[in-house]
Amino acid sequence: MPFVTRKKTLVAALIVGALVAPAPVAAHPHVWVDAKAEVVFDGKAEIVAIRNIWRFDAAYSAFASQGLDTNGDGKLSVDELKPLADVNVDSLKDFAYFTFITAGGEDIDFDKPTEYWLQDDGGRLILFFTLPTKGQVKVSDPVRLEIYDPTFFVAFRMIDDKDGPIVLDSAPAACAAKTFRPPDLDPASAAALAAVPADQRELPPELRLLTDDQTNGADIACP
């Protein structure tokens, strides 16, 4: 199934217990996420929300969804996943939703998520949620969107599909998004991070420099 987006109607969504469940393995990163984002514009050509679509790795999806098939039909419905979605979306606020916008060098805050739910897609949990910005964001100044976990407990990677990883919804025709992704870690750095226990969310100071550039996102411009 392709990793789809949505325009005027809702699509699919997910989240696992990455923030609230114990870890099945000891390593950093602990969870891998394929990510897409839709940058929502209003009629004044200003950004008003970010729609996140996150697909979690199969191993962690299986771990986090244990015991959630309450009717025993072998499938996970949106209703069965709703309590998990509620807890996780609420927990995301403690981590700034792993979503960051700067405009003209200033940080932009978000209101609480709307339109969120979880969905199982062939063993992969997918989270959809919308983050409204606190006030409209003008794109006359440089705008940068970043999606990442500063502690590298969760490793995000913007995906490639026919629509691209960043979709500009209702943006003026001249607007464009230039996507960037984190570089691959060298073997020594990856080994050092993998040795950090999974129950230790914060990285030791000597390892933080290894993950400073592990960010995804896009620079958005509207000439």
N, C-alpha and C. Protein backbone atom coordinates (compact mmCIF):
# COMPACT_ATOMS: atom_id res chain seq x y z
N MET A 1 0.85 -1.19 0.00
CA MET A 1 0.00 0.00 0.00
C MET A 1 0.87 1.23 0.00
N PRO A 2 0.66 2.19 -0.91
CA PRO A 2 1.49 3.39 -0.94
C PRO A 2 1.28 4.23 0.29
N PHE A 3 2.28 5.03 0.61
CA PHE A 3 2.22 5.91 1.77
C PHE A 3 1.50 7.17 1.33
N VAL A 4 0.20 7.26 1.61
CA VAL A 4 -0.64 8.29 1.01
C VAL A 4 -0.72 9.53 1.88
N THR A 5 -1.18 10.63 1.25
CA THR A 5 -1.47 11.87 1.96
C THR A 5 -2.96 12.13 1.85
N ARG A 6 -3.41 13.32 2.30
CA ARG A 6 -4.78 13.72 2.16
C ARG A 6 -4.84 15.17 1.77
N LYS A 7 -5.94 15.56 1.13
CA LYS A 7 -6.15 16.97 0.82
C LYS A 7 -7.28 17.47 1.69
N LYS A 8 -8.52 17.39 1.20
CA LYS A 8 -9.64 17.93 1.96
C LYS A 8 -10.27 16.88 2.88
N THR A 9 -9.95 15.61 2.68
CA THR A 9 -10.53 14.57 3.53
C THR A 9 -9.43 13.86 4.29
N LEU A 10 -9.80 13.23 5.39
CA LEU A 10 -8.83 12.53 6.21
C LEU A 10 -8.38 11.26 5.52
N VAL A 11 -7.13 10.83 5.82
CA VAL A 11 -6.66 9.56 5.27
C VAL A 11 -6.45 8.57 6.40
N ALA A 12 -5.23 8.05 6.50
CA ALA A 12 -4.95 7.03 7.52
C ALA A 12 -4.08 7.60 8.62
N ALA A 13 -3.96 6.85 9.72
CA ALA A 13 -3.16 7.35 10.80
C ALA A 13 -2.79 6.32 11.81
N LEU A 14 -1.71 6.66 12.63
CA LEU A 14 -1.22 5.70 13.59
C LEU A 14 -0.45 6.29 14.73
N ILE A 15 -0.28 5.59 15.78
CA ILE A 15 0.83 5.78 16.69
C ILE A 15 0.99 4.60 17.59
N VAL A 16 2.22 4.40 17.99
CA VAL A 16 2.52 3.29 18.88
C VAL A 16 2.85 3.83 20.24
N GLY A 17 3.20 2.94 21.16
CA GLY A 17 3.48 3.38 22.52
C GLY A 17 4.92 3.78 22.72
N ALA A 18 5.52 4.44 21.78
CA ALA A 18 6.93 4.81 21.89
C ALA A 18 7.21 5.66 23.11
N LEU A 19 6.21 6.43 23.54
CA LEU A 19 6.43 7.33 24.66
C LEU A 19 5.94 6.75 25.98
N VAL A 20 5.16 5.67 25.92
CA VAL A 20 4.54 5.20 27.15
C VAL A 20 4.78 3.72 27.43
N ALA A 21 5.37 2.99 26.51
CA ALA A 21 5.56 1.55 26.68
C ALA A 21 7.02 1.23 26.95
N PRO A 22 7.29 0.13 27.67
CA PRO A 22 8.67 -0.29 27.86
C PRO A 22 9.30 -0.75 26.55
N ALA A 23 10.60 -0.79 26.51
CA ALA A 23 11.29 -1.06 25.25
C ALA A 23 11.57 -2.55 25.07
N PRO A 24 11.37 -3.08 23.85
CA PRO A 24 11.65 -4.49 23.61
C PRO A 24 13.13 -4.76 23.40
N VAL A 25 13.91 -3.75 23.02
CA VAL A 25 15.34 -3.94 22.81
C VAL A 25 16.07 -2.77 23.42
N ALA A 26 17.39 -2.93 23.61
CA ALA A 26 18.20 -1.87 24.17
C ALA A 26 19.05 -1.25 23.07
N ALA A 27 18.66 -0.07 22.63
CA ALA A 27 19.41 0.59 21.56
C ALA A 27 18.87 1.99 21.34
N HIS A 28 19.74 2.87 20.84
CA HIS A 28 19.32 4.15 20.30
C HIS A 28 19.72 4.16 18.83
N PRO A 29 18.83 4.48 17.92
CA PRO A 29 17.41 4.74 18.18
C PRO A 29 16.65 3.48 18.55
N HIS A 30 15.51 3.71 19.17
CA HIS A 30 14.68 2.61 19.65
C HIS A 30 13.51 2.34 18.71
N VAL A 31 13.04 3.38 18.05
CA VAL A 31 11.90 3.29 17.15
C VAL A 31 12.26 4.00 15.85
N TRP A 32 11.83 3.43 14.72
CA TRP A 32 12.06 4.05 13.41
C TRP A 32 10.72 4.47 12.81
N VAL A 33 10.70 5.68 12.26
CA VAL A 33 9.45 6.23 11.73
C VAL A 33 9.68 6.76 10.32
N ASP A 34 8.86 6.30 9.37
CA ASP A 34 8.77 6.91 8.04
C ASP A 34 7.78 8.06 8.15
N ALA A 35 8.19 9.25 7.74
CA ALA A 35 7.37 10.44 7.99
C ALA A 35 7.02 11.17 6.70
N LYS A 36 5.82 11.72 6.69
CA LYS A 36 5.38 12.68 5.69
C LYS A 36 4.77 13.86 6.44
N ALA A 37 4.74 15.02 5.79
CA ALA A 37 4.12 16.19 6.40
C ALA A 37 3.40 16.99 5.33
N GLU A 38 2.26 17.53 5.70
CA GLU A 38 1.52 18.45 4.85
C GLU A 38 1.51 19.82 5.53
N VAL A 39 1.99 20.81 4.83
CA VAL A 39 2.01 22.18 5.34
C VAL A 39 0.75 22.86 4.82
N VAL A 40 -0.14 23.25 5.73
CA VAL A 40 -1.46 23.75 5.36
C VAL A 40 -1.45 25.28 5.34
N PHE A 41 -1.85 25.84 4.21
CA PHE A 41 -1.95 27.29 4.04
C PHE A 41 -3.42 27.73 4.10
N ASP A 42 -3.65 28.99 4.51
CA ASP A 42 -5.00 29.55 4.47
C ASP A 42 -5.16 30.40 3.22
N GLY A 43 -6.28 31.12 3.12
CA GLY A 43 -6.55 31.93 1.95
C GLY A 43 -5.68 33.16 1.83
N LYS A 44 -4.90 33.45 2.87
CA LYS A 44 -4.00 34.61 2.85
C LYS A 44 -2.56 34.20 2.57
N ALA A 45 -2.37 32.98 2.12
CA ALA A 45 -1.04 32.45 1.80
C ALA A 45 -0.15 32.38 3.04
N GLU A 46 -0.74 32.09 4.19
CA GLU A 46 0.00 31.93 5.43
C GLU A 46 -0.19 30.51 5.97
N ILE A 47 0.83 29.98 6.62
CA ILE A 47 0.77 28.62 7.17
C ILE A 47 -0.07 28.63 8.44
N VAL A 48 -1.01 27.66 8.53
CA VAL A 48 -1.89 27.60 9.70
C VAL A 48 -1.84 26.24 10.41
N ALA A 49 -1.20 25.23 9.82
CA ALA A 49 -1.15 23.91 10.47
C ALA A 49 -0.13 23.02 9.77
N ILE A 50 0.30 22.00 10.51
CA ILE A 50 1.12 20.91 9.95
C ILE A 50 0.36 19.62 10.18
N ARG A 51 0.14 18.86 9.10
CA ARG A 51 -0.45 17.52 9.22
C ARG A 51 0.68 16.51 9.17
N ASN A 52 0.84 15.75 10.22
CA ASN A 52 1.87 14.72 10.28
C ASN A 52 1.28 13.35 9.99
N ILE A 53 1.99 12.55 9.20
CA ILE A 53 1.64 11.15 8.95
C ILE A 53 2.90 10.33 9.21
N TRP A 54 2.85 9.51 10.26
CA TRP A 54 4.04 8.77 10.70
C TRP A 54 3.74 7.27 10.64
N ARG A 55 4.61 6.52 10.00
CA ARG A 55 4.48 5.06 9.93
C ARG A 55 5.64 4.43 10.69
N PHE A 56 5.31 3.62 11.69
CA PHE A 56 6.31 3.03 12.56
C PHE A 56 6.80 1.68 12.03
N ASP A 57 8.00 1.31 12.44
CA ASP A 57 8.59 0.07 11.95
C ASP A 57 7.76 -1.14 12.41
N ALA A 58 7.86 -2.23 11.64
CA ALA A 58 7.02 -3.40 11.86
C ALA A 58 7.27 -4.05 13.22
N ALA A 59 8.53 -4.14 13.63
CA ALA A 59 8.83 -4.80 14.90
C ALA A 59 8.23 -4.05 16.07
N TYR A 60 8.39 -2.74 16.06
CA TYR A 60 7.84 -1.98 17.19
C TYR A 60 6.32 -1.92 17.12
N SER A 61 5.76 -1.88 15.92
CA SER A 61 4.31 -1.89 15.79
C SER A 61 3.71 -3.15 16.42
N ALA A 62 4.35 -4.29 16.16
CA ALA A 62 3.88 -5.55 16.72
C ALA A 62 3.98 -5.54 18.24
N PHE A 63 5.08 -5.01 18.75
CA PHE A 63 5.27 -4.95 20.20
C PHE A 63 4.23 -4.06 20.86
N ALA A 64 4.01 -2.86 20.30
CA ALA A 64 3.13 -1.88 20.93
C ALA A 64 1.66 -2.27 20.84
N SER A 65 1.28 -3.09 19.86
CA SER A 65 -0.13 -3.41 19.66
C SER A 65 -0.55 -4.70 20.34
N GLN A 66 0.32 -5.32 21.11
CA GLN A 66 -0.03 -6.55 21.81
C GLN A 66 -1.23 -6.31 22.73
N GLY A 67 -2.21 -7.20 22.65
CA GLY A 67 -3.35 -7.15 23.55
C GLY A 67 -4.41 -6.14 23.19
N LEU A 68 -4.27 -5.46 22.06
CA LEU A 68 -5.25 -4.43 21.70
C LEU A 68 -6.39 -4.95 20.83
N ASP A 69 -6.28 -6.18 20.34
CA ASP A 69 -7.35 -6.77 19.53
C ASP A 69 -8.42 -7.32 20.47
N THR A 70 -9.27 -6.43 20.99
CA THR A 70 -10.20 -6.80 22.05
C THR A 70 -11.30 -7.74 21.60
N ASN A 71 -11.68 -7.71 20.31
CA ASN A 71 -12.74 -8.62 19.86
C ASN A 71 -12.18 -9.92 19.27
N GLY A 72 -10.87 -10.06 19.23
CA GLY A 72 -10.24 -11.30 18.82
C GLY A 72 -10.42 -11.67 17.37
N ASP A 73 -10.66 -10.69 16.50
CA ASP A 73 -10.86 -11.01 15.09
C ASP A 73 -9.57 -10.99 14.27
N GLY A 74 -8.44 -10.80 14.94
CA GLY A 74 -7.17 -10.79 14.25
C GLY A 74 -6.84 -9.49 13.54
N LYS A 75 -7.66 -8.47 13.75
CA LYS A 75 -7.44 -7.17 13.14
C LYS A 75 -7.50 -6.08 14.20
N LEU A 76 -6.80 -4.99 13.95
CA LEU A 76 -6.84 -3.84 14.85
C LEU A 76 -7.64 -2.73 14.19
N SER A 77 -8.78 -2.41 14.77
CA SER A 77 -9.63 -1.36 14.22
C SER A 77 -9.21 -0.01 14.78
N VAL A 78 -9.70 1.04 14.14
CA VAL A 78 -9.45 2.40 14.64
C VAL A 78 -10.01 2.56 16.04
N ASP A 79 -11.18 1.96 16.30
CA ASP A 79 -11.78 2.05 17.63
C ASP A 79 -10.93 1.35 18.68
N GLU A 80 -10.38 0.18 18.33
CA GLU A 80 -9.54 -0.55 19.28
C GLU A 80 -8.25 0.21 19.58
N LEU A 81 -7.77 0.97 18.61
CA LEU A 81 -6.54 1.72 18.78
C LEU A 81 -6.75 3.10 19.38
N LYS A 82 -8.01 3.53 19.51
CA LYS A 82 -8.28 4.90 19.97
C LYS A 82 -7.71 5.20 21.35
N PRO A 83 -7.87 4.32 22.37
CA PRO A 83 -7.29 4.65 23.67
C PRO A 83 -5.78 4.85 23.61
N LEU A 84 -5.09 4.04 22.81
CA LEU A 84 -3.65 4.20 22.64
C LEU A 84 -3.34 5.51 21.93
N ALA A 85 -4.14 5.85 20.93
CA ALA A 85 -3.95 7.12 20.22
C ALA A 85 -4.13 8.29 21.17
N ASP A 86 -5.16 8.24 22.02
CA ASP A 86 -5.41 9.33 22.96
C ASP A 86 -4.21 9.55 23.89
N VAL A 87 -3.71 8.46 24.45
CA VAL A 87 -2.59 8.55 25.39
C VAL A 87 -1.34 9.07 24.71
N ASN A 88 -1.06 8.54 23.53
CA ASN A 88 0.17 8.93 22.86
C ASN A 88 0.16 10.36 22.34
N VAL A 89 -0.96 10.77 21.76
CA VAL A 89 -1.05 12.14 21.27
C VAL A 89 -0.93 13.12 22.44
N ASP A 90 -1.54 12.77 23.57
CA ASP A 90 -1.39 13.62 24.76
C ASP A 90 0.06 13.66 25.23
N SER A 91 0.75 12.51 25.16
CA SER A 91 2.14 12.44 25.59
C SER A 91 3.08 13.23 24.69
N LEU A 92 2.73 13.35 23.42
CA LEU A 92 3.61 14.03 22.47
C LEU A 92 3.87 15.49 22.85
N LYS A 93 2.97 16.11 23.58
CA LYS A 93 3.18 17.51 23.94
C LYS A 93 4.42 17.69 24.81
N ASP A 94 4.80 16.65 25.56
CA ASP A 94 6.00 16.72 26.39
C ASP A 94 7.27 16.71 25.55
N PHE A 95 7.15 16.39 24.28
CA PHE A 95 8.30 16.33 23.38
C PHE A 95 8.14 17.30 22.20
N ALA A 96 7.28 18.33 22.42
CA ALA A 96 7.04 19.36 21.39
C ALA A 96 6.55 18.73 20.09
N TYR A 97 5.90 17.55 20.22
CA TYR A 97 5.34 16.84 19.07
C TYR A 97 6.40 16.46 18.03
N PHE A 98 7.67 16.54 18.41
CA PHE A 98 8.78 16.25 17.48
C PHE A 98 8.66 17.09 16.21
N THR A 99 7.97 18.21 16.30
CA THR A 99 7.71 19.05 15.13
C THR A 99 8.07 20.49 15.46
N PHE A 100 8.90 21.11 14.63
CA PHE A 100 9.43 22.43 14.95
C PHE A 100 9.37 23.32 13.71
N ILE A 101 8.92 24.56 13.90
CA ILE A 101 8.90 25.55 12.82
C ILE A 101 9.62 26.81 13.30
N THR A 102 10.46 27.34 12.44
CA THR A 102 11.02 28.66 12.67
C THR A 102 10.69 29.52 11.46
N ALA A 103 10.33 30.77 11.71
CA ALA A 103 10.00 31.72 10.66
C ALA A 103 10.72 33.03 10.97
N GLY A 104 11.57 33.45 10.04
CA GLY A 104 12.34 34.66 10.28
C GLY A 104 13.22 34.56 11.50
N GLY A 105 13.66 33.32 11.81
CA GLY A 105 14.52 33.10 12.96
C GLY A 105 13.79 32.96 14.28
N GLU A 106 12.46 33.04 14.28
CA GLU A 106 11.67 32.92 15.50
C GLU A 106 10.98 31.56 15.56
N ASP A 107 10.96 30.95 16.77
CA ASP A 107 10.25 29.69 16.95
C ASP A 107 8.74 29.92 16.96
N ILE A 108 8.01 29.01 16.30
CA ILE A 108 6.55 29.08 16.23
C ILE A 108 5.96 27.99 17.13
N ASP A 109 4.99 28.36 17.96
CA ASP A 109 4.33 27.41 18.84
C ASP A 109 3.10 26.80 18.17
N PHE A 110 2.68 25.64 18.69
CA PHE A 110 1.50 24.94 18.20
C PHE A 110 0.43 24.86 19.27
N ASP A 111 -0.83 24.81 18.82
CA ASP A 111 -1.92 24.42 19.70
C ASP A 111 -1.98 22.90 19.75
N LYS A 112 -2.87 22.36 20.62
CA LYS A 112 -2.93 20.91 20.77
C LYS A 112 -3.44 20.26 19.47
N PRO A 113 -3.07 19.01 19.24
CA PRO A 113 -3.43 18.34 17.99
C PRO A 113 -4.93 18.18 17.80
N THR A 114 -5.32 18.15 16.55
CA THR A 114 -6.71 17.86 16.18
C THR A 114 -6.69 16.76 15.12
N GLU A 115 -7.86 16.19 14.83
CA GLU A 115 -8.00 15.19 13.76
C GLU A 115 -6.97 14.07 13.86
N TYR A 116 -6.88 13.45 15.00
CA TYR A 116 -5.86 12.41 15.15
C TYR A 116 -6.50 11.04 15.33
N TRP A 117 -5.82 10.04 14.85
CA TRP A 117 -6.19 8.65 15.12
C TRP A 117 -5.07 7.72 14.68
N LEU A 118 -5.22 6.45 15.05
CA LEU A 118 -4.28 5.38 14.70
C LEU A 118 -4.94 4.40 13.75
N GLN A 119 -4.12 3.83 12.88
CA GLN A 119 -4.62 2.79 11.98
C GLN A 119 -3.53 1.76 11.74
N ASP A 120 -3.97 0.50 11.65
CA ASP A 120 -3.05 -0.59 11.35
C ASP A 120 -3.04 -0.82 9.85
N ASP A 121 -1.86 -0.80 9.25
CA ASP A 121 -1.73 -1.02 7.81
C ASP A 121 -0.82 -2.23 7.59
N GLY A 122 -1.44 -3.41 7.61
CA GLY A 122 -0.68 -4.63 7.36
C GLY A 122 0.44 -4.87 8.36
N GLY A 123 0.20 -4.57 9.62
CA GLY A 123 1.22 -4.77 10.65
C GLY A 123 2.06 -3.55 10.93
N ARG A 124 1.86 -2.49 10.18
CA ARG A 124 2.56 -1.23 10.44
C ARG A 124 1.56 -0.23 11.01
N LEU A 125 1.84 0.29 12.18
CA LEU A 125 0.98 1.30 12.77
C LEU A 125 1.29 2.66 12.16
N ILE A 126 0.22 3.39 11.85
CA ILE A 126 0.37 4.71 11.25
C ILE A 126 -0.39 5.73 12.10
N LEU A 127 0.25 6.85 12.37
CA LEU A 127 -0.36 7.94 13.13
C LEU A 127 -0.61 9.12 12.22
N PHE A 128 -1.81 9.64 12.27
CA PHE A 128 -2.11 10.92 11.62
C PHE A 128 -2.53 11.91 12.69
N PHE A 129 -1.96 13.11 12.68
CA PHE A 129 -2.47 14.16 13.55
C PHE A 129 -2.13 15.53 12.96
N THR A 130 -3.02 16.48 13.24
CA THR A 130 -2.86 17.84 12.75
C THR A 130 -2.47 18.76 13.88
N LEU A 131 -1.44 19.57 13.65
CA LEU A 131 -0.97 20.56 14.62
C LEU A 131 -1.29 21.96 14.10
N PRO A 132 -2.29 22.65 14.66
CA PRO A 132 -2.52 24.04 14.27
C PRO A 132 -1.44 24.94 14.86
N THR A 133 -0.99 25.90 14.09
CA THR A 133 -0.04 26.88 14.62
C THR A 133 -0.78 27.92 15.46
N LYS A 134 -0.08 28.48 16.42
CA LYS A 134 -0.66 29.57 17.22
C LYS A 134 -0.49 30.86 16.44
N GLY A 135 -1.49 31.16 15.64
CA GLY A 135 -1.42 32.31 14.75
C GLY A 135 -0.88 31.92 13.40
N GLN A 136 -1.19 32.73 12.40
CA GLN A 136 -0.73 32.46 11.04
C GLN A 136 0.75 32.74 10.91
N VAL A 137 1.41 31.95 10.07
CA VAL A 137 2.85 32.09 9.85
C VAL A 137 3.08 32.65 8.46
N LYS A 138 3.63 33.85 8.41
CA LYS A 138 3.93 34.48 7.13
C LYS A 138 5.14 33.79 6.50
N VAL A 139 5.11 33.65 5.18
CA VAL A 139 6.21 33.00 4.48
C VAL A 139 7.01 34.03 3.69
N SER A 140 6.82 35.29 4.03
CA SER A 140 7.66 36.33 3.43
C SER A 140 9.09 36.22 3.93
N ASP A 141 9.24 35.71 5.18
CA ASP A 141 10.55 35.40 5.73
C ASP A 141 10.85 33.92 5.55
N PRO A 142 12.11 33.51 5.60
CA PRO A 142 12.43 32.08 5.47
C PRO A 142 11.73 31.25 6.54
N VAL A 143 11.13 30.13 6.13
CA VAL A 143 10.44 29.22 7.04
C VAL A 143 11.11 27.85 6.96
N ARG A 144 11.43 27.30 8.12
CA ARG A 144 12.02 25.96 8.18
C ARG A 144 11.13 25.06 9.03
N LEU A 145 10.77 23.91 8.48
CA LEU A 145 10.05 22.86 9.20
C LEU A 145 11.01 21.73 9.49
N GLU A 146 11.06 21.28 10.75
CA GLU A 146 11.91 20.16 11.13
C GLU A 146 11.08 19.13 11.91
N ILE A 147 11.30 17.86 11.61
CA ILE A 147 10.64 16.76 12.30
C ILE A 147 11.73 15.80 12.76
N TYR A 148 11.95 15.74 14.06
CA TYR A 148 13.02 14.89 14.59
C TYR A 148 12.91 14.80 16.10
N ASP A 149 13.60 13.84 16.68
CA ASP A 149 13.70 13.67 18.12
C ASP A 149 15.10 14.07 18.54
N PRO A 150 15.26 15.18 19.28
CA PRO A 150 16.60 15.62 19.69
C PRO A 150 17.38 14.58 20.48
N THR A 151 16.67 13.67 21.16
CA THR A 151 17.36 12.64 21.93
C THR A 151 17.70 11.40 21.10
N PHE A 152 17.19 11.34 19.85
CA PHE A 152 17.43 10.23 18.94
C PHE A 152 16.90 8.91 19.48
N PHE A 153 15.95 8.98 20.42
CA PHE A 153 15.25 7.78 20.86
C PHE A 153 14.37 7.26 19.73
N VAL A 154 13.77 8.20 18.99
CA VAL A 154 12.99 7.89 17.79
C VAL A 154 13.75 8.44 16.60
N ALA A 155 13.98 7.61 15.60
CA ALA A 155 14.67 8.03 14.38
C ALA A 155 13.64 8.26 13.28
N PHE A 156 13.52 9.50 12.85
CA PHE A 156 12.60 9.84 11.76
C PHE A 156 13.35 9.87 10.44
N ARG A 157 12.63 9.50 9.38
CA ARG A 157 13.18 9.60 8.03
C ARG A 157 12.06 9.99 7.09
N MET A 158 12.21 11.13 6.42
CA MET A 158 11.21 11.56 5.45
C MET A 158 11.22 10.60 4.26
N ILE A 159 10.04 10.15 3.87
CA ILE A 159 9.93 9.13 2.83
C ILE A 159 9.87 9.77 1.44
N ASP A 160 10.04 8.95 0.44
CA ASP A 160 9.88 9.37 -0.94
C ASP A 160 8.69 8.63 -1.54
N ASP A 161 7.76 9.35 -2.15
CA ASP A 161 6.72 8.75 -2.95
C ASP A 161 6.34 9.74 -4.04
N LYS A 162 5.29 9.47 -4.75
CA LYS A 162 4.97 10.29 -5.92
C LYS A 162 4.65 11.74 -5.54
N ASP A 163 4.18 11.97 -4.31
CA ASP A 163 3.87 13.32 -3.87
C ASP A 163 5.04 14.00 -3.18
N GLY A 164 6.09 13.23 -2.87
CA GLY A 164 7.20 13.77 -2.12
C GLY A 164 6.91 13.77 -0.62
N PRO A 165 7.93 13.95 0.20
CA PRO A 165 7.75 13.87 1.64
C PRO A 165 7.05 15.08 2.25
N ILE A 166 7.12 16.23 1.58
CA ILE A 166 6.50 17.45 2.07
C ILE A 166 5.49 17.93 1.03
N VAL A 167 4.23 18.07 1.44
CA VAL A 167 3.17 18.54 0.56
C VAL A 167 2.74 19.92 1.04
N LEU A 168 2.65 20.88 0.13
CA LEU A 168 2.15 22.21 0.44
C LEU A 168 0.67 22.26 0.04
N ASP A 169 -0.20 22.31 1.04
CA ASP A 169 -1.65 22.26 0.81
C ASP A 169 -2.20 23.67 0.72
N SER A 170 -2.80 23.99 -0.44
CA SER A 170 -3.43 25.29 -0.70
C SER A 170 -2.44 26.44 -0.70
N ALA A 171 -1.18 26.13 -0.98
CA ALA A 171 -0.16 27.18 -1.06
C ALA A 171 -0.22 27.89 -2.40
N PRO A 172 0.23 29.14 -2.47
CA PRO A 172 0.35 29.82 -3.77
C PRO A 172 1.26 29.02 -4.70
N ALA A 173 1.01 29.15 -5.99
CA ALA A 173 1.74 28.34 -6.97
C ALA A 173 3.24 28.55 -6.92
N ALA A 174 3.67 29.74 -6.52
CA ALA A 174 5.11 30.04 -6.50
C ALA A 174 5.83 29.41 -5.32
N CYS A 175 5.10 28.90 -4.33
CA CYS A 175 5.74 28.35 -3.13
C CYS A 175 6.40 27.00 -3.44
N ALA A 176 7.49 26.73 -2.75
CA ALA A 176 8.21 25.47 -2.93
C ALA A 176 8.84 25.04 -1.62
N ALA A 177 9.01 23.74 -1.46
CA ALA A 177 9.65 23.18 -0.27
C ALA A 177 10.89 22.40 -0.69
N LYS A 178 12.01 22.73 -0.11
CA LYS A 178 13.26 22.02 -0.37
C LYS A 178 13.54 21.09 0.80
N THR A 179 13.38 19.79 0.56
CA THR A 179 13.49 18.79 1.63
C THR A 179 14.95 18.50 1.98
N PHE A 180 15.18 18.27 3.28
CA PHE A 180 16.50 17.80 3.71
C PHE A 180 16.32 16.62 4.65
N ARG A 181 17.32 15.74 4.69
CA ARG A 181 17.29 14.53 5.51
C ARG A 181 18.61 14.40 6.27
N PRO A 182 18.62 13.61 7.34
CA PRO A 182 19.87 13.44 8.10
C PRO A 182 20.87 12.59 7.34
N PRO A 183 22.15 12.85 7.52
CA PRO A 183 23.16 11.98 6.91
C PRO A 183 23.20 10.64 7.64
N ASP A 184 23.72 9.63 6.95
CA ASP A 184 23.89 8.33 7.59
C ASP A 184 24.98 8.41 8.65
N LEU A 185 24.77 7.72 9.75
CA LEU A 185 25.76 7.66 10.81
C LEU A 185 26.91 6.74 10.40
N ASP A 186 28.11 7.11 10.78
CA ASP A 186 29.22 6.21 10.53
C ASP A 186 29.14 5.02 11.50
N PRO A 187 29.77 3.89 11.19
CA PRO A 187 29.64 2.69 12.03
C PRO A 187 30.01 2.90 13.50
N ALA A 188 31.05 3.67 13.76
CA ALA A 188 31.47 3.89 15.15
C ALA A 188 30.42 4.67 15.92
N SER A 189 29.85 5.69 15.29
CA SER A 189 28.81 6.47 15.96
C SER A 189 27.56 5.63 16.20
N ALA A 190 27.19 4.84 15.20
CA ALA A 190 26.01 3.99 15.35
C ALA A 190 26.21 2.98 16.48
N ALA A 191 27.40 2.43 16.59
CA ALA A 191 27.68 1.46 17.65
C ALA A 191 27.62 2.11 19.02
N ALA A 192 28.13 3.33 19.13
CA ALA A 192 28.12 4.04 20.42
C ALA A 192 26.69 4.34 20.85
N LEU A 193 25.85 4.74 19.92
CA LEU A 193 24.46 5.04 20.24
C LEU A 193 23.68 3.77 20.57
N ALA A 194 23.99 2.68 19.87
CA ALA A 194 23.28 1.42 20.12
C ALA A 194 23.57 0.86 21.50
N ALA A 195 24.67 1.29 22.10
CA ALA A 195 25.04 0.79 23.43
C ALA A 195 24.28 1.50 24.54
N VAL A 196 23.57 2.59 24.22
CA VAL A 196 22.81 3.31 25.25
C VAL A 196 21.54 2.52 25.56
N PRO A 197 21.28 2.19 26.82
CA PRO A 197 20.09 1.40 27.16
C PRO A 197 18.81 2.10 26.72
N ALA A 198 17.81 1.33 26.31
CA ALA A 198 16.57 1.90 25.81
C ALA A 198 15.77 2.60 26.90
N ASP A 199 16.01 2.25 28.17
CA ASP A 199 15.29 2.94 29.24
C ASP A 199 15.96 4.25 29.63
N GLN A 200 17.02 4.61 28.93
CA GLN A 200 17.69 5.89 29.14
C GLN A 200 17.38 6.78 27.94
N ARG A 201 16.34 7.59 28.09
CA ARG A 201 15.89 8.37 26.93
C ARG A 201 16.88 9.46 26.56
N GLU A 202 17.42 10.18 27.53
CA GLU A 202 18.37 11.25 27.25
C GLU A 202 19.75 10.67 26.93
N LEU A 203 20.37 11.21 25.92
CA LEU A 203 21.72 10.77 25.57
C LEU A 203 22.75 11.40 26.50
N PRO A 204 23.82 10.68 26.80
CA PRO A 204 24.92 11.28 27.56
C PRO A 204 25.50 12.47 26.79
N PRO A 205 26.02 13.48 27.50
CA PRO A 205 26.53 14.68 26.82
C PRO A 205 27.55 14.38 25.73
N GLU A 206 28.40 13.37 25.96
CA GLU A 206 29.45 13.08 24.98
C GLU A 206 28.91 12.49 23.68
N LEU A 207 27.62 12.04 23.70
CA LEU A 207 27.03 11.46 22.49
C LEU A 207 26.08 12.41 21.78
N ARG A 208 25.74 13.51 22.42
CA ARG A 208 24.75 14.41 21.82
C ARG A 208 25.24 15.01 20.51
N LEU A 209 26.52 15.26 20.42
CA LEU A 209 27.05 15.85 19.19
C LEU A 209 26.86 14.91 17.99
N LEU A 210 26.76 13.61 18.25
CA LEU A 210 26.60 12.65 17.15
C LEU A 210 25.25 12.77 16.48
N THR A 211 24.26 13.33 17.18
CA THR A 211 22.89 13.36 16.65
C THR A 211 22.41 14.78 16.33
N ASP A 212 23.29 15.76 16.47
CA ASP A 212 22.86 17.14 16.23
C ASP A 212 22.34 17.36 14.81
N ASP A 213 22.85 16.60 13.85
CA ASP A 213 22.44 16.81 12.46
C ASP A 213 21.42 15.76 11.99
N GLN A 214 20.85 14.99 12.93
CA GLN A 214 19.88 13.97 12.56
C GLN A 214 18.47 14.56 12.48
N THR A 215 18.30 15.53 11.60
CA THR A 215 17.02 16.22 11.46
C THR A 215 16.47 16.04 10.04
N ASN A 216 15.14 16.04 9.96
CA ASN A 216 14.42 15.98 8.69
C ASN A 216 13.58 17.23 8.55
N GLY A 217 13.25 17.57 7.33
CA GLY A 217 12.32 18.67 7.17
C GLY A 217 12.44 19.33 5.82
N ALA A 218 12.09 20.61 5.79
CA ALA A 218 12.11 21.35 4.54
C ALA A 218 12.25 22.84 4.81
N ASP A 219 12.91 23.51 3.88
CA ASP A 219 12.92 24.97 3.86
C ASP A 219 11.84 25.40 2.86
N ILE A 220 10.94 26.25 3.32
CA ILE A 220 9.78 26.64 2.53
C ILE A 220 9.92 28.10 2.13
N ALA A 221 9.72 28.37 0.86
CA ALA A 221 9.83 29.73 0.34
C ALA A 221 8.68 30.02 -0.60
N CYS A 222 8.17 31.25 -0.55
CA CYS A 222 7.12 31.70 -1.44
C CYS A 222 7.59 33.00 -2.09
N PRO A 223 8.33 32.92 -3.19
CA PRO A 223 8.87 34.13 -3.83
C PRO A 223 7.75 35.10 -4.22
